[in-house]
Amino acid sequence: RVVLPGGGVLMAGDAACGGAPYVGIKGVTLTLNYDTVAEAERAFHALAAGAEVVMPLQPTFWAKIWGMLTDRYGTPWIVNGELLND
């Protein structure tokens, strides 16, 4: 359970059937959208600890800043800050 700024909560679970080993998330990327660049930078850098950064934070056409990473648990993330077409 992760409590997000503004009171949002992100909850997820994994349950391997029949005792099969956990193989990670496949075919899904979790996205976090923040109202400010500063909030997006904070979240990205927190997730980046021990992670593989796929795309460093940078400007793009849909947000003032965005980046992609796979966290230390193998979960892929996209982080956006200040969406431009919101």
C-alpha atoms as a PDB file:
ATOM      1  CA  ARG A   1       0.000   0.000   0.000  1.00  0.00           C
ATOM      2  CA  VAL A   2       1.393   3.369  -1.053  1.00  0.00           C
ATOM      3  CA  VAL A   3      -0.190   6.628   0.074  1.00  0.00           C
ATOM      4  CA  LEU A   4       0.189   9.214  -2.665  1.00  0.00           C
ATOM      5  CA  PRO A   5       0.284  13.004  -2.298  1.00  0.00           C
ATOM      6  CA  GLY A   6      -3.230  14.417  -2.141  1.00  0.00           C
ATOM      7  CA  GLY A   7      -4.564  11.385  -0.280  1.00  0.00           C
ATOM      8  CA  GLY A   8      -4.572   8.877  -3.144  1.00  0.00           C
ATOM      9  CA  VAL A   9      -3.741   5.257  -2.375  1.00  0.00           C
ATOM     10  CA  LEU A  10      -2.134   2.738  -4.702  1.00  0.00           C
ATOM     11  CA  MET A  11      -2.671  -0.876  -3.690  1.00  0.00           C
ATOM     12  CA  ALA A  12      -1.607  -3.961  -5.587  1.00  0.00           C
ATOM     13  CA  GLY A  13      -1.031  -7.599  -4.899  1.00  0.00           C
ATOM     14  CA  ASP A  14       0.491 -10.634  -6.452  1.00  0.00           C
ATOM     15  CA  ALA A  15      -0.625 -14.144  -5.796  1.00  0.00           C
ATOM     16  CA  ALA A  16       1.134 -16.983  -7.518  1.00  0.00           C
ATOM     17  CA  CYS A  17      -1.239 -19.867  -8.170  1.00  0.00           C
ATOM     18  CA  GLY A  18      -0.286 -23.253  -6.800  1.00  0.00           C
ATOM     19  CA  GLY A  19       2.944 -22.034  -5.241  1.00  0.00           C
ATOM     20  CA  ALA A  20       4.494 -20.995  -8.569  1.00  0.00           C
ATOM     21  CA  PRO A  21       7.393 -18.546  -8.185  1.00  0.00           C
ATOM     22  CA  TYR A  22       6.734 -14.868  -8.781  1.00  0.00           C
ATOM     23  CA  VAL A  23       8.050 -13.864 -12.224  1.00  0.00           C
ATOM     24  CA  GLY A  24       7.305 -10.145 -12.097  1.00  0.00           C
ATOM     25  CA  ILE A  25       4.818  -7.928 -13.871  1.00  0.00           C
ATOM     26  CA  LYS A  26       4.589  -8.572 -17.605  1.00  0.00           C
ATOM     27  CA  GLY A  27       2.832  -6.396 -20.195  1.00  0.00           C
ATOM     28  CA  VAL A  28       1.834  -3.629 -17.760  1.00  0.00           C
ATOM     29  CA  THR A  29       3.356  -0.265 -16.904  1.00  0.00           C
ATOM     30  CA  LEU A  30       2.112   1.786 -13.963  1.00  0.00           C
ATOM     31  CA  THR A  31       1.804   5.531 -14.584  1.00  0.00           C
ATOM     32  CA  LEU A  32       1.888   8.336 -12.034  1.00  0.00           C
ATOM     33  CA  ASN A  33       0.675  11.810 -13.058  1.00  0.00           C
ATOM     34  CA  TYR A  34       1.602  14.764 -10.848  1.00  0.00           C
ATOM     35  CA  ASP A  35       0.387  18.355 -10.904  1.00  0.00           C
ATOM     36  CA  THR A  36       3.897  19.780 -10.638  1.00  0.00           C
ATOM     37  CA  VAL A  37       7.343  19.022 -11.983  1.00  0.00           C
ATOM     38  CA  ALA A  38       8.713  19.017  -8.427  1.00  0.00           C
ATOM     39  CA  GLU A  39       6.279  16.280  -7.328  1.00  0.00           C
ATOM     40  CA  ALA A  40       7.143  14.189 -10.403  1.00  0.00           C
ATOM     41  CA  GLU A  41      10.870  14.597  -9.772  1.00  0.00           C
ATOM     42  CA  ARG A  42      10.471  13.550  -6.129  1.00  0.00           C
ATOM     43  CA  ALA A  43       8.507  10.419  -7.084  1.00  0.00           C
ATOM     44  CA  PHE A  44      10.848   9.482  -9.929  1.00  0.00           C
ATOM     45  CA  HIS A  45      13.972   9.808  -7.793  1.00  0.00           C
ATOM     46  CA  ALA A  46      12.388   7.793  -4.960  1.00  0.00           C
ATOM     47  CA  LEU A  47      11.440   4.989  -7.372  1.00  0.00           C
ATOM     48  CA  ALA A  48      14.868   5.165  -9.041  1.00  0.00           C
ATOM     49  CA  ALA A  49      16.718   3.912  -5.945  1.00  0.00           C
ATOM     50  CA  GLY A  50      18.094   0.548  -7.078  1.00  0.00           C
ATOM     51  CA  ALA A  51      16.140   0.794 -10.343  1.00  0.00           C
ATOM     52  CA  GLU A  52      16.979   0.661 -14.037  1.00  0.00           C
ATOM     53  CA  VAL A  53      16.224   4.074 -15.535  1.00  0.00           C
ATOM     54  CA  VAL A  54      14.875   3.447 -19.030  1.00  0.00           C
ATOM     55  CA  MET A  55      14.269   7.111 -19.925  1.00  0.00           C
ATOM     56  CA  PRO A  56      15.600   9.891 -17.680  1.00  0.00           C
ATOM     57  CA  LEU A  57      13.284  12.763 -16.777  1.00  0.00           C
ATOM     58  CA  GLN A  58      12.892  15.135 -19.716  1.00  0.00           C
ATOM     59  CA  PRO A  59      10.353  17.413 -21.402  1.00  0.00           C
ATOM     60  CA  THR A  60       7.888  15.953 -23.893  1.00  0.00           C
ATOM     61  CA  PHE A  61       4.865  17.071 -25.894  1.00  0.00           C
ATOM     62  CA  TRP A  62       2.281  15.797 -23.355  1.00  0.00           C
ATOM     63  CA  ALA A  63       3.925  16.958 -20.115  1.00  0.00           C
ATOM     64  CA  LYS A  64       6.533  19.406 -18.902  1.00  0.00           C
ATOM     65  CA  ILE A  65       8.529  16.407 -17.673  1.00  0.00           C
ATOM     66  CA  TRP A  66       8.350  12.619 -17.887  1.00  0.00           C
ATOM     67  CA  GLY A  67      10.527   9.565 -17.378  1.00  0.00           C
ATOM     68  CA  MET A  68      10.441   5.761 -17.381  1.00  0.00           C
ATOM     69  CA  LEU A  69      12.088   3.228 -15.098  1.00  0.00           C
ATOM     70  CA  THR A  70      11.850  -0.316 -13.841  1.00  0.00           C
ATOM     71  CA  ASP A  71      12.053  -0.339 -10.045  1.00  0.00           C
ATOM     72  CA  ARG A  72      14.152  -2.690  -7.929  1.00  0.00           C
ATOM     73  CA  TYR A  73      11.232  -5.148  -7.776  1.00  0.00           C
ATOM     74  CA  GLY A  74      10.858  -5.336 -11.568  1.00  0.00           C
ATOM     75  CA  THR A  75       7.815  -3.047 -11.811  1.00  0.00           C
ATOM     76  CA  PRO A  76       7.840  -0.692 -14.820  1.00  0.00           C
ATOM     77  CA  TRP A  77       6.795   2.943 -14.161  1.00  0.00           C
ATOM     78  CA  ILE A  78       6.108   6.095 -16.157  1.00  0.00           C
ATOM     79  CA  VAL A  79       6.157   9.360 -14.209  1.00  0.00           C
ATOM     80  CA  ASN A  80       4.604  12.525 -15.666  1.00  0.00           C
ATOM     81  CA  GLY A  81       4.740  16.047 -14.254  1.00  0.00           C
ATOM     82  CA  GLU A  82       2.410  18.888 -15.305  1.00  0.00           C
ATOM     83  CA  LEU A  83       0.385  17.330 -18.114  1.00  0.00           C
ATOM     84  CA  LEU A  84      -0.059  19.839 -20.946  1.00  0.00           C
ATOM     85  CA  ASN A  85      -3.364  18.588 -22.355  1.00  0.00           C
ATOM     86  CA  ASP A  86      -5.128  17.910 -19.086  1.00  0.00           C
END
